[in-house]
Amino acid sequence: MTIAGRIVRELQRKLPPHHCYNPQFMLYKRVLAQKKEDSNKILF
């Protein structure tokens, strides 16, 4: 797991279950899960 993955996981654990940042966390998880060979990558 990367440092970014640990930070996302820790923030999700500390925030309440229904917080306003939930859509952003879903995007962050998709970015962290993508592989080098994947097509349709999420670019910032």
N, C-alpha and C. Protein backbone atom coordinates (compact mmCIF):
# COMPACT_ATOMS: atom_id res chain seq x y z
N MET A 1 0.84 -1.17 0.00
CA MET A 1 0.00 0.00 0.00
C MET A 1 0.89 1.24 0.00
N THR A 2 0.44 2.23 -0.71
CA THR A 2 1.20 3.47 -0.81
C THR A 2 0.86 4.41 0.34
N ILE A 3 1.63 5.45 0.47
CA ILE A 3 1.37 6.45 1.50
C ILE A 3 0.01 7.10 1.25
N ALA A 4 -0.29 7.39 0.00
CA ALA A 4 -1.58 8.00 -0.33
C ALA A 4 -2.74 7.08 0.04
N GLY A 5 -2.58 5.80 -0.19
CA GLY A 5 -3.62 4.84 0.17
C GLY A 5 -3.85 4.79 1.67
N ARG A 6 -2.78 4.86 2.43
CA ARG A 6 -2.91 4.85 3.89
C ARG A 6 -3.60 6.11 4.39
N ILE A 7 -3.28 7.24 3.79
CA ILE A 7 -3.91 8.50 4.20
C ILE A 7 -5.40 8.47 3.90
N VAL A 8 -5.78 8.01 2.71
CA VAL A 8 -7.20 7.93 2.35
C VAL A 8 -7.93 6.99 3.30
N ARG A 9 -7.34 5.85 3.59
CA ARG A 9 -7.98 4.88 4.49
C ARG A 9 -8.13 5.46 5.90
N GLU A 10 -7.11 6.16 6.38
CA GLU A 10 -7.17 6.75 7.72
C GLU A 10 -8.23 7.85 7.80
N LEU A 11 -8.30 8.70 6.77
CA LEU A 11 -9.31 9.76 6.76
C LEU A 11 -10.71 9.18 6.73
N GLN A 12 -10.93 8.14 5.94
CA GLN A 12 -12.25 7.52 5.89
C GLN A 12 -12.62 6.92 7.24
N ARG A 13 -11.65 6.38 7.93
CA ARG A 13 -11.91 5.76 9.22
C ARG A 13 -12.26 6.82 10.27
N LYS A 14 -11.64 7.99 10.20
CA LYS A 14 -11.83 9.02 11.21
C LYS A 14 -13.06 9.90 10.96
N LEU A 15 -13.47 10.04 9.72
CA LEU A 15 -14.64 10.87 9.41
C LEU A 15 -15.92 10.08 9.67
N PRO A 16 -17.03 10.78 9.92
CA PRO A 16 -18.30 10.08 10.11
C PRO A 16 -18.71 9.36 8.82
N PRO A 17 -19.56 8.33 8.93
CA PRO A 17 -19.91 7.51 7.75
C PRO A 17 -20.54 8.29 6.60
N HIS A 18 -21.37 9.28 6.89
CA HIS A 18 -22.05 10.02 5.83
C HIS A 18 -21.54 11.46 5.81
N HIS A 19 -20.33 11.63 5.30
CA HIS A 19 -19.75 12.96 5.22
C HIS A 19 -19.83 13.48 3.79
N CYS A 20 -19.59 14.78 3.61
CA CYS A 20 -19.74 15.40 2.29
C CYS A 20 -18.58 15.08 1.35
N TYR A 21 -17.52 14.44 1.85
CA TYR A 21 -16.37 14.14 1.02
C TYR A 21 -16.43 12.76 0.38
N ASN A 22 -17.51 12.05 0.55
CA ASN A 22 -17.61 10.69 0.04
C ASN A 22 -17.36 10.58 -1.46
N PRO A 23 -17.92 11.46 -2.31
CA PRO A 23 -17.63 11.35 -3.75
C PRO A 23 -16.14 11.53 -4.08
N GLN A 24 -15.46 12.41 -3.37
CA GLN A 24 -14.04 12.60 -3.60
C GLN A 24 -13.25 11.35 -3.21
N PHE A 25 -13.63 10.71 -2.12
CA PHE A 25 -12.93 9.50 -1.70
C PHE A 25 -13.10 8.38 -2.72
N MET A 26 -14.26 8.30 -3.35
CA MET A 26 -14.47 7.29 -4.38
C MET A 26 -13.52 7.54 -5.56
N LEU A 27 -13.35 8.80 -5.93
CA LEU A 27 -12.43 9.16 -7.00
C LEU A 27 -10.99 8.83 -6.61
N TYR A 28 -10.60 9.15 -5.38
CA TYR A 28 -9.24 8.87 -4.93
C TYR A 28 -8.96 7.37 -4.95
N LYS A 29 -9.94 6.57 -4.55
CA LYS A 29 -9.76 5.12 -4.57
C LYS A 29 -9.58 4.61 -6.00
N ARG A 30 -10.34 5.17 -6.94
CA ARG A 30 -10.19 4.76 -8.34
C ARG A 30 -8.82 5.12 -8.87
N VAL A 31 -8.33 6.31 -8.52
CA VAL A 31 -7.00 6.73 -8.96
C VAL A 31 -5.94 5.80 -8.38
N LEU A 32 -6.04 5.47 -7.11
CA LEU A 32 -5.05 4.61 -6.47
C LEU A 32 -5.11 3.18 -6.99
N ALA A 33 -6.27 2.74 -7.46
CA ALA A 33 -6.42 1.36 -7.93
C ALA A 33 -5.99 1.17 -9.39
N GLN A 34 -5.86 2.25 -10.16
CA GLN A 34 -5.53 2.08 -11.56
C GLN A 34 -4.09 1.59 -11.74
N LYS A 35 -3.90 0.82 -12.78
CA LYS A 35 -2.59 0.24 -13.09
C LYS A 35 -1.94 0.97 -14.25
N LYS A 36 -0.67 0.72 -14.43
CA LYS A 36 0.09 1.36 -15.49
C LYS A 36 -0.48 1.02 -16.87
N GLU A 37 -0.94 -0.20 -17.04
CA GLU A 37 -1.42 -0.66 -18.35
C GLU A 37 -2.90 -0.36 -18.60
N ASP A 38 -3.62 0.17 -17.62
CA ASP A 38 -5.05 0.43 -17.77
C ASP A 38 -5.33 1.49 -18.83
N SER A 39 -6.42 1.29 -19.52
CA SER A 39 -6.90 2.34 -20.44
C SER A 39 -7.93 3.16 -19.68
N ASN A 40 -8.32 4.29 -20.22
CA ASN A 40 -9.29 5.20 -19.58
C ASN A 40 -8.84 5.61 -18.18
N LYS A 41 -7.61 6.02 -18.08
CA LYS A 41 -7.08 6.44 -16.80
C LYS A 41 -7.69 7.78 -16.37
N ILE A 42 -7.69 8.00 -15.08
CA ILE A 42 -8.14 9.27 -14.53
C ILE A 42 -6.92 10.16 -14.41
N LEU A 43 -6.96 11.29 -15.09
CA LEU A 43 -5.82 12.21 -15.09
C LEU A 43 -6.22 13.49 -14.39
N PHE A 44 -5.31 14.05 -13.64
CA PHE A 44 -5.57 15.31 -12.95
C PHE A 44 -4.86 16.42 -13.65
